[in-house]
Amino acid sequence: MPWYAVRPRDDADPRWPLPGTAEIVLKAEDPESARAKFESAYPSQPFGSPGVPVPDTGAGSFRGDPDALVVAETGEPPASRDRPA
């Protein structure tokens, strides 16, 4: 199974859940599966807002905005012990 890097198309997108981290690397079957895993792990405010009480569509959600994320195949990330402190 290949590794995919998921990052926001716009580096300044306020919906990005990990400020200071340019991308998230995860293993998936294909780019769409990688996008779905990301959206599942970082759904947004869980239940939208009082005006829109729909699960996983609150402020910060990338769901319904496929052009906001760039998903590209990448190599396996280094193990955490190999990363500089």
PDB file of N, CA and C in Angstrom:
ATOM      1  N   MET A   1       0.862  -1.167   0.000  1.00  0.00           N
ATOM      2  CA  MET A   1       0.000   0.000   0.000  1.00  0.00           C
ATOM      3  C   MET A   1       0.911   1.233   0.000  1.00  0.00           C
ATOM      4  N   PRO A   2       0.655   2.191  -0.892  1.00  0.00           N
ATOM      5  CA  PRO A   2       1.511   3.380  -0.984  1.00  0.00           C
ATOM      6  C   PRO A   2       1.235   4.414   0.120  1.00  0.00           C
ATOM      7  N   TRP A   3       2.168   5.344   0.252  1.00  0.00           N
ATOM      8  CA  TRP A   3       2.046   6.460   1.193  1.00  0.00           C
ATOM      9  C   TRP A   3       1.606   7.699   0.429  1.00  0.00           C
ATOM     10  N   TYR A   4       0.780   8.514   1.063  1.00  0.00           N
ATOM     11  CA  TYR A   4       0.291   9.745   0.443  1.00  0.00           C
ATOM     12  C   TYR A   4       0.508  10.925   1.389  1.00  0.00           C
ATOM     13  N   ALA A   5       0.935  12.035   0.812  1.00  0.00           N
ATOM     14  CA  ALA A   5       1.066  13.283   1.561  1.00  0.00           C
ATOM     15  C   ALA A   5      -0.193  14.098   1.303  1.00  0.00           C
ATOM     16  N   VAL A   6      -0.820  14.564   2.368  1.00  0.00           N
ATOM     17  CA  VAL A   6      -2.028  15.388   2.276  1.00  0.00           C
ATOM     18  C   VAL A   6      -1.666  16.759   2.829  1.00  0.00           C
ATOM     19  N   ARG A   7      -1.928  17.797   2.054  1.00  0.00           N
ATOM     20  CA  ARG A   7      -1.626  19.164   2.489  1.00  0.00           C
ATOM     21  C   ARG A   7      -2.679  20.106   1.929  1.00  0.00           C
ATOM     22  N   PRO A   8      -2.815  21.279   2.541  1.00  0.00           N
ATOM     23  CA  PRO A   8      -3.789  22.233   1.997  1.00  0.00           C
ATOM     24  C   PRO A   8      -3.247  22.870   0.716  1.00  0.00           C
ATOM     25  N   ARG A   9      -4.120  23.150  -0.230  1.00  0.00           N
ATOM     26  CA  ARG A   9      -3.699  23.825  -1.453  1.00  0.00           C
ATOM     27  C   ARG A   9      -3.147  25.213  -1.124  1.00  0.00           C
ATOM     28  N   ASP A  10      -3.785  25.882  -0.163  1.00  0.00           N
ATOM     29  CA  ASP A  10      -3.354  27.209   0.290  1.00  0.00           C
ATOM     30  C   ASP A  10      -2.712  27.046   1.665  1.00  0.00           C
ATOM     31  N   ASP A  11      -1.418  27.359   1.766  1.00  0.00           N
ATOM     32  CA  ASP A  11      -0.710  27.193   3.035  1.00  0.00           C
ATOM     33  C   ASP A  11      -1.335  27.997   4.174  1.00  0.00           C
ATOM     34  N   ALA A  12      -2.072  29.031   3.865  1.00  0.00           N
ATOM     35  CA  ALA A  12      -2.688  29.877   4.889  1.00  0.00           C
ATOM     36  C   ALA A  12      -4.136  29.480   5.194  1.00  0.00           C
ATOM     37  N   ASP A  13      -4.597  28.350   4.697  1.00  0.00           N
ATOM     38  CA  ASP A  13      -5.984  27.917   4.927  1.00  0.00           C
ATOM     39  C   ASP A  13      -6.210  27.706   6.425  1.00  0.00           C
ATOM     40  N   PRO A  14      -7.120  28.443   7.039  1.00  0.00           N
ATOM     41  CA  PRO A  14      -7.338  28.323   8.485  1.00  0.00           C
ATOM     42  C   PRO A  14      -7.975  26.999   8.907  1.00  0.00           C
ATOM     43  N   ARG A  15      -8.458  26.224   7.963  1.00  0.00           N
ATOM     44  CA  ARG A  15      -9.051  24.928   8.303  1.00  0.00           C
ATOM     45  C   ARG A  15      -8.015  23.856   8.588  1.00  0.00           C
ATOM     46  N   TRP A  16      -6.737  24.086   8.224  1.00  0.00           N
ATOM     47  CA  TRP A  16      -5.697  23.077   8.405  1.00  0.00           C
ATOM     48  C   TRP A  16      -5.563  22.760   9.900  1.00  0.00           C
ATOM     49  N   PRO A  17      -5.698  21.485  10.298  1.00  0.00           N
ATOM     50  CA  PRO A  17      -5.769  21.148  11.723  1.00  0.00           C
ATOM     51  C   PRO A  17      -4.447  21.166  12.482  1.00  0.00           C
ATOM     52  N   LEU A  18      -3.317  21.207  11.779  1.00  0.00           N
ATOM     53  CA  LEU A  18      -2.024  21.147  12.456  1.00  0.00           C
ATOM     54  C   LEU A  18      -1.125  22.311  12.032  1.00  0.00           C
ATOM     55  N   PRO A  19      -1.365  23.492  12.563  1.00  0.00           N
ATOM     56  CA  PRO A  19      -0.511  24.639  12.210  1.00  0.00           C
ATOM     57  C   PRO A  19       0.954  24.307  12.487  1.00  0.00           C
ATOM     58  N   GLY A  20       1.821  24.727  11.605  1.00  0.00           N
ATOM     59  CA  GLY A  20       3.242  24.434  11.747  1.00  0.00           C
ATOM     60  C   GLY A  20       3.657  23.129  11.097  1.00  0.00           C
ATOM     61  N   THR A  21       2.697  22.349  10.635  1.00  0.00           N
ATOM     62  CA  THR A  21       2.972  21.094   9.931  1.00  0.00           C
ATOM     63  C   THR A  21       2.494  21.264   8.498  1.00  0.00           C
ATOM     64  N   ALA A  22       3.420  21.135   7.559  1.00  0.00           N
ATOM     65  CA  ALA A  22       3.086  21.396   6.160  1.00  0.00           C
ATOM     66  C   ALA A  22       2.187  20.331   5.547  1.00  0.00           C
ATOM     67  N   GLU A  23       2.363  19.073   5.986  1.00  0.00           N
ATOM     68  CA  GLU A  23       1.587  17.981   5.391  1.00  0.00           C
ATOM     69  C   GLU A  23       1.449  16.849   6.382  1.00  0.00           C
ATOM     70  N   ILE A  24       0.503  15.976   6.107  1.00  0.00           N
ATOM     71  CA  ILE A  24       0.303  14.761   6.882  1.00  0.00           C
ATOM     72  C   ILE A  24       0.526  13.603   5.924  1.00  0.00           C
ATOM     73  N   VAL A  25       1.360  12.635   6.316  1.00  0.00           N
ATOM     74  CA  VAL A  25       1.651  11.485   5.462  1.00  0.00           C
ATOM     75  C   VAL A  25       0.953  10.270   6.050  1.00  0.00           C
ATOM     76  N   LEU A  26       0.184   9.582   5.198  1.00  0.00           N
ATOM     77  CA  LEU A  26      -0.516   8.394   5.647  1.00  0.00           C
ATOM     78  C   LEU A  26      -0.566   7.350   4.551  1.00  0.00           C
ATOM     79  N   LYS A  27      -0.840   6.121   4.966  1.00  0.00           N
ATOM     80  CA  LYS A  27      -0.877   4.995   4.034  1.00  0.00           C
ATOM     81  C   LYS A  27      -2.318   4.762   3.608  1.00  0.00           C
ATOM     82  N   ALA A  28      -2.531   4.561   2.297  1.00  0.00           N
ATOM     83  CA  ALA A  28      -3.879   4.342   1.779  1.00  0.00           C
ATOM     84  C   ALA A  28      -3.810   3.592   0.450  1.00  0.00           C
ATOM     85  N   GLU A  29      -4.958   3.086   0.031  1.00  0.00           N
ATOM     86  CA  GLU A  29      -5.040   2.347  -1.240  1.00  0.00           C
ATOM     87  C   GLU A  29      -4.838   3.263  -2.442  1.00  0.00           C
ATOM     88  N   ASP A  30      -5.400   4.481  -2.372  1.00  0.00           N
ATOM     89  CA  ASP A  30      -5.339   5.421  -3.497  1.00  0.00           C
ATOM     90  C   ASP A  30      -5.554   6.836  -2.949  1.00  0.00           C
ATOM     91  N   PRO A  31      -5.415   7.863  -3.805  1.00  0.00           N
ATOM     92  CA  PRO A  31      -5.577   9.244  -3.316  1.00  0.00           C
ATOM     93  C   PRO A  31      -6.929   9.521  -2.660  1.00  0.00           C
ATOM     94  N   GLU A  32      -8.005   8.962  -3.196  1.00  0.00           N
ATOM     95  CA  GLU A  32      -9.321   9.200  -2.606  1.00  0.00           C
ATOM     96  C   GLU A  32      -9.433   8.563  -1.220  1.00  0.00           C
ATOM     97  N   SER A  33      -8.838   7.397  -1.044  1.00  0.00           N
ATOM     98  CA  SER A  33      -8.831   6.760   0.276  1.00  0.00           C
ATOM     99  C   SER A  33      -8.011   7.586   1.260  1.00  0.00           C
ATOM    100  N   ALA A  34      -6.914   8.152   0.798  1.00  0.00           N
ATOM    101  CA  ALA A  34      -6.091   9.007   1.658  1.00  0.00           C
ATOM    102  C   ALA A  34      -6.884  10.238   2.091  1.00  0.00           C
ATOM    103  N   ARG A  35      -7.603  10.842   1.158  1.00  0.00           N
ATOM    104  CA  ARG A  35      -8.435  12.008   1.483  1.00  0.00           C
ATOM    105  C   ARG A  35      -9.514  11.625   2.506  1.00  0.00           C
ATOM    106  N   ALA A  36     -10.148  10.467   2.315  1.00  0.00           N
ATOM    107  CA  ALA A  36     -11.191  10.018   3.234  1.00  0.00           C
ATOM    108  C   ALA A  36     -10.623   9.757   4.630  1.00  0.00           C
ATOM    109  N   LYS A  37      -9.422   9.173   4.711  1.00  0.00           N
ATOM    110  CA  LYS A  37      -8.795   8.935   6.016  1.00  0.00           C
ATOM    111  C   LYS A  37      -8.503  10.262   6.708  1.00  0.00           C
ATOM    112  N   PHE A  38      -7.996  11.230   5.951  1.00  0.00           N
ATOM    113  CA  PHE A  38      -7.714  12.543   6.527  1.00  0.00           C
ATOM    114  C   PHE A  38      -9.007  13.171   7.056  1.00  0.00           C
ATOM    115  N   GLU A  39     -10.049  13.168   6.260  1.00  0.00           N
ATOM    116  CA  GLU A  39     -11.326  13.778   6.662  1.00  0.00           C
ATOM    117  C   GLU A  39     -11.924  13.063   7.871  1.00  0.00           C
ATOM    118  N   SER A  40     -11.701  11.768   7.983  1.00  0.00           N
ATOM    119  CA  SER A  40     -12.192  11.021   9.133  1.00  0.00           C
ATOM    120  C   SER A  40     -11.402  11.368  10.395  1.00  0.00           C
ATOM    121  N   ALA A  41     -10.093  11.527  10.254  1.00  0.00           N
ATOM    122  CA  ALA A  41      -9.241  11.839  11.406  1.00  0.00           C
ATOM    123  C   ALA A  41      -9.395  13.282  11.864  1.00  0.00           C
ATOM    124  N   TYR A  42      -9.660  14.196  10.938  1.00  0.00           N
ATOM    125  CA  TYR A  42      -9.781  15.626  11.238  1.00  0.00           C
ATOM    126  C   TYR A  42     -11.111  16.137  10.688  1.00  0.00           C
ATOM    127  N   PRO A  43     -12.228  15.745  11.321  1.00  0.00           N
ATOM    128  CA  PRO A  43     -13.531  16.065  10.748  1.00  0.00           C
ATOM    129  C   PRO A  43     -13.966  17.515  10.867  1.00  0.00           C
ATOM    130  N   SER A  44     -13.452  18.278  11.791  1.00  0.00           N
ATOM    131  CA  SER A  44     -13.840  19.665  12.051  1.00  0.00           C
ATOM    132  C   SER A  44     -14.527  19.725  13.399  1.00  0.00           C
ATOM    133  N   GLN A  45     -15.217  20.807  13.648  1.00  0.00           N
ATOM    134  CA  GLN A  45     -16.036  20.845  14.851  1.00  0.00           C
ATOM    135  C   GLN A  45     -17.076  19.749  14.665  1.00  0.00           C
ATOM    136  N   PRO A  46     -17.218  18.844  15.626  1.00  0.00           N
ATOM    137  CA  PRO A  46     -17.988  17.635  15.399  1.00  0.00           C
ATOM    138  C   PRO A  46     -19.416  17.798  14.899  1.00  0.00           C
ATOM    139  N   PHE A  47     -20.129  18.811  15.344  1.00  0.00           N
ATOM    140  CA  PHE A  47     -21.530  18.875  14.932  1.00  0.00           C
ATOM    141  C   PHE A  47     -21.898  20.214  14.333  1.00  0.00           C
ATOM    142  N   GLY A  48     -21.042  20.746  13.490  1.00  0.00           N
ATOM    143  CA  GLY A  48     -21.371  21.974  12.787  1.00  0.00           C
ATOM    144  C   GLY A  48     -21.635  23.117  13.752  1.00  0.00           C
ATOM    145  N   SER A  49     -22.729  23.782  13.562  1.00  0.00           N
ATOM    146  CA  SER A  49     -23.097  24.916  14.408  1.00  0.00           C
ATOM    147  C   SER A  49     -24.580  24.797  14.735  1.00  0.00           C
ATOM    148  N   PRO A  50     -25.085  25.627  15.646  1.00  0.00           N
ATOM    149  CA  PRO A  50     -26.523  25.550  15.937  1.00  0.00           C
ATOM    150  C   PRO A  50     -27.388  25.766  14.693  1.00  0.00           C
ATOM    151  N   GLY A  51     -26.908  26.594  13.783  1.00  0.00           N
ATOM    152  CA  GLY A  51     -27.664  26.831  12.557  1.00  0.00           C
ATOM    153  C   GLY A  51     -27.554  25.692  11.568  1.00  0.00           C
ATOM    154  N   VAL A  52     -26.456  24.911  11.649  1.00  0.00           N
ATOM    155  CA  VAL A  52     -26.231  23.779  10.745  1.00  0.00           C
ATOM    156  C   VAL A  52     -25.781  22.596  11.598  1.00  0.00           C
ATOM    157  N   PRO A  53     -26.704  21.924  12.301  1.00  0.00           N
ATOM    158  CA  PRO A  53     -26.337  20.835  13.211  1.00  0.00           C
ATOM    159  C   PRO A  53     -26.096  19.504  12.503  1.00  0.00           C
ATOM    160  N   VAL A  54     -25.262  19.513  11.496  1.00  0.00           N
ATOM    161  CA  VAL A  54     -24.971  18.317  10.719  1.00  0.00           C
ATOM    162  C   VAL A  54     -23.604  17.795  11.145  1.00  0.00           C
ATOM    163  N   PRO A  55     -23.473  16.506  11.464  1.00  0.00           N
ATOM    164  CA  PRO A  55     -22.190  15.974  11.905  1.00  0.00           C
ATOM    165  C   PRO A  55     -21.067  16.226  10.902  1.00  0.00           C
ATOM    166  N   ASP A  56     -19.911  16.577  11.425  1.00  0.00           N
ATOM    167  CA  ASP A  56     -18.661  16.697  10.676  1.00  0.00           C
ATOM    168  C   ASP A  56     -18.690  17.721   9.543  1.00  0.00           C
ATOM    169  N   THR A  57     -19.470  18.772   9.678  1.00  0.00           N
ATOM    170  CA  THR A  57     -19.475  19.815   8.645  1.00  0.00           C
ATOM    171  C   THR A  57     -19.333  21.198   9.258  1.00  0.00           C
ATOM    172  N   GLY A  58     -18.802  21.253  10.467  1.00  0.00           N
ATOM    173  CA  GLY A  58     -18.628  22.543  11.127  1.00  0.00           C
ATOM    174  C   GLY A  58     -17.455  23.312  10.564  1.00  0.00           C
ATOM    175  N   ALA A  59     -17.138  24.411  11.229  1.00  0.00           N
ATOM    176  CA  ALA A  59     -16.001  25.232  10.804  1.00  0.00           C
ATOM    177  C   ALA A  59     -14.754  24.364  10.793  1.00  0.00           C
ATOM    178  N   GLY A  60     -13.993  24.475   9.767  1.00  0.00           N
ATOM    179  CA  GLY A  60     -12.768  23.700   9.671  1.00  0.00           C
ATOM    180  C   GLY A  60     -12.879  22.460   8.824  1.00  0.00           C
ATOM    181  N   SER A  61     -14.046  22.136   8.341  1.00  0.00           N
ATOM    182  CA  SER A  61     -14.223  20.924   7.561  1.00  0.00           C
ATOM    183  C   SER A  61     -13.721  21.090   6.127  1.00  0.00           C
ATOM    184  N   PHE A  62     -12.991  20.084   5.650  1.00  0.00           N
ATOM    185  CA  PHE A  62     -12.576  20.052   4.248  1.00  0.00           C
ATOM    186  C   PHE A  62     -13.570  19.249   3.414  1.00  0.00           C
ATOM    187  N   ARG A  63     -14.563  18.650   4.051  1.00  0.00           N
ATOM    188  CA  ARG A  63     -15.552  17.862   3.311  1.00  0.00           C
ATOM    189  C   ARG A  63     -16.343  18.762   2.381  1.00  0.00           C
ATOM    190  N   GLY A  64     -16.596  18.271   1.198  1.00  0.00           N
ATOM    191  CA  GLY A  64     -17.353  19.036   0.228  1.00  0.00           C
ATOM    192  C   GLY A  64     -16.518  20.079  -0.505  1.00  0.00           C
ATOM    193  N   ASP A  65     -15.204  20.092  -0.256  1.00  0.00           N
ATOM    194  CA  ASP A  65     -14.305  21.047  -0.904  1.00  0.00           C
ATOM    195  C   ASP A  65     -13.071  20.294  -1.399  1.00  0.00           C
ATOM    196  N   PRO A  66     -13.240  19.446  -2.419  1.00  0.00           N
ATOM    197  CA  PRO A  66     -12.142  18.589  -2.864  1.00  0.00           C
ATOM    198  C   PRO A  66     -10.924  19.340  -3.395  1.00  0.00           C
ATOM    199  N   ASP A  67     -11.110  20.561  -3.858  1.00  0.00           N
ATOM    200  CA  ASP A  67      -9.979  21.315  -4.391  1.00  0.00           C
ATOM    201  C   ASP A  67      -9.112  21.951  -3.309  1.00  0.00           C
ATOM    202  N   ALA A  68      -9.564  21.904  -2.055  1.00  0.00           N
ATOM    203  CA  ALA A  68      -8.820  22.546  -0.966  1.00  0.00           C
ATOM    204  C   ALA A  68      -7.627  21.719  -0.498  1.00  0.00           C
ATOM    205  N   LEU A  69      -7.622  20.421  -0.791  1.00  0.00           N
ATOM    206  CA  LEU A  69      -6.523  19.551  -0.372  1.00  0.00           C
ATOM    207  C   LEU A  69      -5.765  19.024  -1.582  1.00  0.00           C
ATOM    208  N   VAL A  70      -4.457  18.911  -1.427  1.00  0.00           N
ATOM    209  CA  VAL A  70      -3.607  18.289  -2.437  1.00  0.00           C
ATOM    210  C   VAL A  70      -3.167  16.949  -1.862  1.00  0.00           C
ATOM    211  N   VAL A  71      -3.403  15.872  -2.602  1.00  0.00           N
ATOM    212  CA  VAL A  71      -3.012  14.535  -2.173  1.00  0.00           C
ATOM    213  C   VAL A  71      -2.052  13.998  -3.225  1.00  0.00           C
ATOM    214  N   ALA A  72      -0.817  13.668  -2.788  1.00  0.00           N
ATOM    215  CA  ALA A  72       0.195  13.196  -3.728  1.00  0.00           C
ATOM    216  C   ALA A  72       0.925  11.990  -3.144  1.00  0.00           C
ATOM    217  N   GLU A  73       1.217  11.013  -3.992  1.00  0.00           N
ATOM    218  CA  GLU A  73       1.961   9.851  -3.534  1.00  0.00           C
ATOM    219  C   GLU A  73       3.365  10.293  -3.131  1.00  0.00           C
ATOM    220  N   THR A  74       3.866   9.700  -2.047  1.00  0.00           N
ATOM    221  CA  THR A  74       5.176  10.073  -1.524  1.00  0.00           C
ATOM    222  C   THR A  74       5.856   8.832  -0.974  1.00  0.00           C
ATOM    223  N   GLY A  75       7.062   8.986  -0.491  1.00  0.00           N
ATOM    224  CA  GLY A  75       7.783   7.863   0.100  1.00  0.00           C
ATOM    225  C   GLY A  75       7.390   7.661   1.549  1.00  0.00           C
ATOM    226  N   GLU A  76       7.842   6.563   2.120  1.00  0.00           N
ATOM    227  CA  GLU A  76       7.551   6.269   3.514  1.00  0.00           C
ATOM    228  C   GLU A  76       8.221   7.315   4.401  1.00  0.00           C
ATOM    229  N   PRO A  77       7.497   7.849   5.379  1.00  0.00           N
ATOM    230  CA  PRO A  77       8.098   8.856   6.257  1.00  0.00           C
ATOM    231  C   PRO A  77       9.126   8.201   7.171  1.00  0.00           C
ATOM    232  N   PRO A  78      10.092   8.992   7.672  1.00  0.00           N
ATOM    233  CA  PRO A  78      11.068   8.415   8.605  1.00  0.00           C
ATOM    234  C   PRO A  78      10.387   8.049   9.922  1.00  0.00           C
ATOM    235  N   ALA A  79      10.947   7.056  10.591  1.00  0.00           N
ATOM    236  CA  ALA A  79      10.411   6.690  11.905  1.00  0.00           C
ATOM    237  C   ALA A  79      10.606   7.866  12.846  1.00  0.00           C
ATOM    238  N   SER A  80       9.737   7.997  13.834  1.00  0.00           N
ATOM    239  CA  SER A  80       9.795   9.144  14.731  1.00  0.00           C
ATOM    240  C   SER A  80      11.140   9.270  15.427  1.00  0.00           C
ATOM    241  N   ARG A  81      11.826   8.164  15.693  1.00  0.00           N
ATOM    242  CA  ARG A  81      13.132   8.242  16.350  1.00  0.00           C
ATOM    243  C   ARG A  81      14.205   8.793  15.402  1.00  0.00           C
ATOM    244  N   ASP A  82      13.929   8.757  14.079  1.00  0.00           N
ATOM    245  CA  ASP A  82      14.895   9.258  13.100  1.00  0.00           C
ATOM    246  C   ASP A  82      14.704  10.738  12.821  1.00  0.00           C
ATOM    247  N   ARG A  83      13.596  11.307  13.289  1.00  0.00           N
ATOM    248  CA  ARG A  83      13.321  12.713  13.047  1.00  0.00           C
ATOM    249  C   ARG A  83      14.140  13.578  13.992  1.00  0.00           C
ATOM    250  N   PRO A  84      14.599  14.723  13.500  1.00  0.00           N
ATOM    251  CA  PRO A  84      15.348  15.606  14.405  1.00  0.00           C
ATOM    252  C   PRO A  84      14.445  16.151  15.492  1.00  0.00           C
ATOM    253  N   ALA A  85      15.008  16.341  16.669  1.00  0.00           N
ATOM    254  CA  ALA A  85      14.231  16.832  17.810  1.00  0.00           C
ATOM    255  C   ALA A  85      14.028  18.336  17.763  1.00  0.00           C
TER     256      ALA A  85
END
